[in-house]
Every structure is written in C-alpha cells, then in structure tokens.
C-alpha cells in the first residue's frame, strides 16, 4: 500500500529535532530506527520568477512507525509545518 494521506499530525521530536513519536488518528506511533531527513522541491515548471509559491523547498522526514503492543509497522513521509504540528504526507506498509 502506498497512500497519499495529507493529514495534520502531532509529532514529538528528540533533542536533535528528529521525530520520535507521531499521534495519528488517535494512536501514538513510535518511530523506530533512524529517521531520514530530506528536502522536497517543487518541480521547476510549477513556479516562475513572476509568481513564486510560498514554499519551494519543504523539509521532510521518512520514518518507520510502529504501534506499541502490535507488530504493525508503516513507513511514512512527514513534512514539517510548525512546532509540534506536522503533516503526514504519505504512508506505505
């Protein structure tokens, strides 16, 4: 499954700023392994010098999420929105 989700989620981060826990649909998911930071960039043809979008580059993280007490593991892409509120962009299982 590779689903575009695009939902706001609460994210708890560790001392280095990497996600460690995600509250999604009423469930606390723990980040396992090492989160991978990356930058998403809008394709050049979606913006011009005359009309720049507000965000051309978006900080992102790819994480593996596990629901405690289960063996359910998902891979997810998170975008940084503001503070504790992030956006869950895509989920793969």
N, C-alpha and C. Protein backbone atom coordinates (compact mmCIF):
# COMPACT_ATOMS: atom_id res chain seq x y z
N UNK A 1 0.85 -1.18 0.00
CA UNK A 1 0.00 0.00 0.00
C UNK A 1 0.89 1.23 0.00
N UNK A 2 0.61 2.18 -0.86
CA UNK A 2 1.29 3.47 -0.91
C UNK A 2 0.19 4.51 -1.04
N UNK A 3 -0.18 5.10 0.10
CA UNK A 3 -1.32 6.02 0.12
C UNK A 3 -0.91 7.45 0.39
N UNK A 4 -1.41 8.36 -0.43
CA UNK A 4 -1.28 9.77 -0.17
C UNK A 4 -2.27 10.09 0.94
N UNK A 5 -1.80 10.63 2.07
CA UNK A 5 -2.65 10.84 3.23
C UNK A 5 -2.96 12.32 3.43
N UNK A 6 -1.94 13.15 3.53
CA UNK A 6 -2.05 14.59 3.71
C UNK A 6 -2.95 14.96 4.90
N UNK A 7 -2.56 14.52 6.10
CA UNK A 7 -3.28 14.84 7.33
C UNK A 7 -2.35 15.52 8.32
N UNK A 8 -2.88 16.48 9.09
CA UNK A 8 -2.11 17.10 10.16
C UNK A 8 -1.97 16.11 11.31
N UNK A 9 -0.76 16.04 11.88
CA UNK A 9 -0.48 15.14 12.99
C UNK A 9 0.38 15.88 14.01
N UNK A 10 0.32 15.44 15.27
CA UNK A 10 1.19 15.96 16.31
C UNK A 10 2.44 15.08 16.35
N UNK A 11 3.60 15.71 16.38
CA UNK A 11 4.86 14.98 16.38
C UNK A 11 5.70 15.42 17.56
N UNK A 12 6.21 14.44 18.30
CA UNK A 12 7.16 14.73 19.37
C UNK A 12 8.54 14.47 18.80
N UNK A 13 9.45 15.44 19.02
CA UNK A 13 10.80 15.31 18.48
C UNK A 13 11.80 15.11 19.60
N UNK A 14 12.94 14.52 19.26
CA UNK A 14 14.03 14.32 20.21
C UNK A 14 14.90 15.57 20.26
N UNK A 15 15.97 15.50 21.05
CA UNK A 15 16.87 16.65 21.23
C UNK A 15 17.49 17.17 19.92
N UNK A 16 17.70 16.30 18.96
CA UNK A 16 18.31 16.71 17.69
C UNK A 16 17.27 17.20 16.67
N UNK A 17 15.99 17.19 17.05
CA UNK A 17 14.93 17.66 16.16
C UNK A 17 14.31 16.59 15.28
N UNK A 18 14.75 15.34 15.42
CA UNK A 18 14.18 14.24 14.64
C UNK A 18 12.91 13.72 15.30
N UNK A 19 11.92 13.30 14.52
CA UNK A 19 10.68 12.78 15.09
C UNK A 19 10.93 11.49 15.89
N UNK A 20 10.25 11.37 17.05
CA UNK A 20 10.35 10.15 17.86
C UNK A 20 8.98 9.52 18.11
N UNK A 21 7.91 10.31 17.95
CA UNK A 21 6.56 9.79 18.17
C UNK A 21 5.57 10.60 17.34
N UNK A 22 4.57 9.93 16.79
CA UNK A 22 3.56 10.58 15.96
C UNK A 22 2.18 10.20 16.48
N UNK A 23 1.35 11.21 16.74
CA UNK A 23 -0.05 10.98 17.11
C UNK A 23 -0.87 11.10 15.84
N UNK A 24 -1.39 9.94 15.38
CA UNK A 24 -2.14 9.89 14.12
C UNK A 24 -3.41 9.10 14.33
N UNK A 25 -4.55 9.72 14.02
CA UNK A 25 -5.87 9.09 14.14
C UNK A 25 -6.09 8.50 15.53
N UNK A 26 -5.68 9.26 16.56
CA UNK A 26 -5.91 8.85 17.94
C UNK A 26 -4.95 7.81 18.48
N UNK A 27 -3.97 7.41 17.70
CA UNK A 27 -2.99 6.40 18.11
C UNK A 27 -1.59 7.01 18.17
N UNK A 28 -0.83 6.65 19.22
CA UNK A 28 0.56 7.07 19.32
C UNK A 28 1.45 6.04 18.65
N UNK A 29 2.11 6.43 17.59
CA UNK A 29 3.03 5.58 16.85
C UNK A 29 4.44 5.96 17.24
N UNK A 30 5.27 4.99 17.54
CA UNK A 30 6.67 5.22 17.89
C UNK A 30 7.53 5.15 16.62
N UNK A 31 8.48 6.05 16.53
CA UNK A 31 9.44 6.00 15.43
C UNK A 31 10.50 4.98 15.79
N UNK A 32 10.74 4.03 14.91
CA UNK A 32 11.78 3.04 15.14
C UNK A 32 12.88 3.22 14.11
N UNK A 33 14.08 2.83 14.48
CA UNK A 33 15.19 3.02 13.56
C UNK A 33 15.59 4.48 13.47
N UNK A 34 16.27 4.80 12.40
CA UNK A 34 16.78 6.16 12.22
C UNK A 34 15.94 6.91 11.21
N UNK A 35 15.29 8.02 11.61
CA UNK A 35 14.55 8.84 10.65
C UNK A 35 15.49 9.44 9.60
N UNK A 36 15.01 9.58 8.39
CA UNK A 36 15.83 10.09 7.29
C UNK A 36 15.31 11.46 6.87
N UNK A 37 16.12 12.53 7.08
CA UNK A 37 15.69 13.86 6.64
C UNK A 37 15.97 14.05 5.14
N UNK A 38 15.12 14.83 4.48
CA UNK A 38 15.33 15.16 3.08
C UNK A 38 14.54 16.43 2.75
N UNK A 39 14.78 16.97 1.59
CA UNK A 39 14.11 18.20 1.16
C UNK A 39 13.28 17.89 -0.08
N UNK A 40 11.99 18.23 -0.03
CA UNK A 40 11.11 18.09 -1.19
C UNK A 40 11.11 19.43 -1.92
N UNK A 41 11.28 19.39 -3.20
CA UNK A 41 11.30 20.62 -4.00
C UNK A 41 10.20 20.57 -5.05
N UNK A 42 9.53 21.71 -5.22
CA UNK A 42 8.53 21.80 -6.27
C UNK A 42 9.21 21.70 -7.63
N UNK A 43 8.59 21.03 -8.59
CA UNK A 43 9.17 20.98 -9.93
C UNK A 43 9.30 22.40 -10.51
N UNK A 44 10.33 22.64 -11.27
CA UNK A 44 10.60 23.99 -11.78
C UNK A 44 9.45 24.54 -12.62
N UNK A 45 8.68 23.66 -13.27
CA UNK A 45 7.61 24.15 -14.14
C UNK A 45 6.36 24.60 -13.37
N UNK A 46 6.34 24.38 -12.04
CA UNK A 46 5.16 24.81 -11.27
C UNK A 46 5.30 26.23 -10.73
N UNK A 47 6.47 26.84 -10.95
CA UNK A 47 6.66 28.21 -10.48
C UNK A 47 7.54 28.98 -11.46
N UNK A 48 7.38 30.29 -11.45
CA UNK A 48 8.21 31.16 -12.29
C UNK A 48 8.71 32.31 -11.43
N UNK A 49 9.61 33.09 -11.96
CA UNK A 49 10.16 34.23 -11.23
C UNK A 49 9.08 35.27 -10.93
N UNK A 50 8.07 35.34 -11.76
CA UNK A 50 7.00 36.32 -11.55
C UNK A 50 6.00 35.87 -10.47
N UNK A 51 5.88 34.56 -10.28
CA UNK A 51 4.87 34.06 -9.36
C UNK A 51 5.45 32.90 -8.55
N UNK A 52 6.18 33.22 -7.51
CA UNK A 52 6.77 32.19 -6.66
C UNK A 52 5.74 31.68 -5.65
N UNK A 53 5.66 30.40 -5.45
CA UNK A 53 4.79 29.89 -4.38
C UNK A 53 5.43 30.23 -3.03
N UNK A 54 4.67 30.10 -1.96
CA UNK A 54 5.20 30.40 -0.64
C UNK A 54 6.32 29.46 -0.24
N UNK A 55 6.22 28.19 -0.61
CA UNK A 55 7.24 27.23 -0.23
C UNK A 55 7.72 26.50 -1.49
N UNK A 56 8.99 26.70 -1.83
CA UNK A 56 9.58 26.00 -2.97
C UNK A 56 10.27 24.73 -2.46
N UNK A 57 10.89 24.82 -1.27
CA UNK A 57 11.54 23.66 -0.65
C UNK A 57 10.86 23.36 0.68
N UNK A 58 10.57 22.09 0.93
CA UNK A 58 9.86 21.66 2.13
C UNK A 58 10.70 20.63 2.88
N UNK A 59 11.10 20.93 4.16
CA UNK A 59 11.80 19.91 4.95
C UNK A 59 10.89 18.70 5.19
N UNK A 60 11.43 17.50 4.98
CA UNK A 60 10.67 16.27 5.12
C UNK A 60 11.47 15.26 5.94
N UNK A 61 10.76 14.25 6.47
CA UNK A 61 11.40 13.12 7.14
C UNK A 61 10.70 11.86 6.67
N UNK A 62 11.46 10.82 6.37
CA UNK A 62 10.90 9.49 6.15
C UNK A 62 11.19 8.70 7.41
N UNK A 63 10.12 8.09 7.99
CA UNK A 63 10.24 7.37 9.25
C UNK A 63 9.55 6.02 9.16
N UNK A 64 10.02 5.09 9.99
CA UNK A 64 9.31 3.82 10.19
C UNK A 64 8.54 3.96 11.49
N UNK A 65 7.25 3.70 11.43
CA UNK A 65 6.38 3.84 12.60
C UNK A 65 5.88 2.48 13.05
N UNK A 66 5.85 2.27 14.36
CA UNK A 66 5.30 1.04 14.91
C UNK A 66 4.29 1.42 16.00
N UNK A 67 3.15 0.74 16.01
CA UNK A 67 2.18 0.95 17.06
C UNK A 67 2.56 0.05 18.22
N UNK A 68 2.89 0.64 19.40
CA UNK A 68 3.29 -0.18 20.55
C UNK A 68 2.27 -1.27 20.86
N UNK A 69 2.78 -2.45 21.21
CA UNK A 69 1.92 -3.58 21.55
C UNK A 69 1.43 -4.36 20.35
N UNK A 70 1.84 -3.95 19.15
CA UNK A 70 1.43 -4.67 17.94
C UNK A 70 2.67 -4.89 17.07
N UNK A 71 2.47 -5.62 15.98
CA UNK A 71 3.58 -5.79 15.03
C UNK A 71 3.33 -4.96 13.77
N UNK A 72 2.38 -4.02 13.85
CA UNK A 72 2.04 -3.16 12.72
C UNK A 72 3.14 -2.12 12.52
N UNK A 73 3.77 -2.13 11.35
CA UNK A 73 4.83 -1.18 11.01
C UNK A 73 4.48 -0.50 9.70
N UNK A 74 4.63 0.81 9.67
CA UNK A 74 4.38 1.60 8.48
C UNK A 74 5.59 2.46 8.18
N UNK A 75 5.81 2.77 6.93
CA UNK A 75 6.80 3.78 6.56
C UNK A 75 6.01 5.01 6.16
N UNK A 76 6.44 6.18 6.65
CA UNK A 76 5.68 7.40 6.40
C UNK A 76 6.60 8.55 6.04
N UNK A 77 6.06 9.49 5.27
CA UNK A 77 6.75 10.74 4.97
C UNK A 77 6.04 11.85 5.72
N UNK A 78 6.81 12.61 6.51
CA UNK A 78 6.28 13.72 7.30
C UNK A 78 6.88 15.02 6.80
N UNK A 79 6.05 16.07 6.69
CA UNK A 79 6.58 17.39 6.37
C UNK A 79 6.45 18.27 7.60
N UNK A 80 7.44 19.11 7.79
CA UNK A 80 7.47 20.00 8.94
C UNK A 80 6.59 21.20 8.64
N UNK A 81 5.57 21.42 9.51
CA UNK A 81 4.67 22.55 9.32
C UNK A 81 5.04 23.67 10.29
N UNK A 82 4.82 23.42 11.58
CA UNK A 82 5.13 24.43 12.58
C UNK A 82 5.12 23.80 13.96
N UNK A 83 6.17 23.95 14.70
CA UNK A 83 6.23 23.44 16.07
C UNK A 83 5.96 21.95 16.14
N UNK A 84 4.98 21.56 16.99
CA UNK A 84 4.62 20.16 17.16
C UNK A 84 3.69 19.65 16.06
N UNK A 85 3.16 20.54 15.23
CA UNK A 85 2.22 20.12 14.19
C UNK A 85 2.94 19.95 12.87
N UNK A 86 2.83 18.74 12.37
CA UNK A 86 3.45 18.36 11.10
C UNK A 86 2.34 17.84 10.20
N UNK A 87 2.71 17.45 9.01
CA UNK A 87 1.75 16.88 8.06
C UNK A 87 2.23 15.51 7.64
N UNK A 88 1.37 14.53 7.81
CA UNK A 88 1.63 13.18 7.32
C UNK A 88 1.26 13.18 5.85
N UNK A 89 2.25 13.05 4.99
CA UNK A 89 2.02 13.17 3.54
C UNK A 89 1.69 11.83 2.89
N UNK A 90 2.44 10.80 3.22
CA UNK A 90 2.30 9.51 2.53
C UNK A 90 2.60 8.39 3.50
N UNK A 91 1.88 7.27 3.35
CA UNK A 91 2.08 6.08 4.19
C UNK A 91 2.25 4.88 3.29
N UNK A 92 3.25 4.04 3.64
CA UNK A 92 3.48 2.78 2.91
C UNK A 92 3.58 1.66 3.95
N UNK A 93 3.00 0.52 3.63
CA UNK A 93 3.17 -0.63 4.55
C UNK A 93 3.72 -1.84 3.84
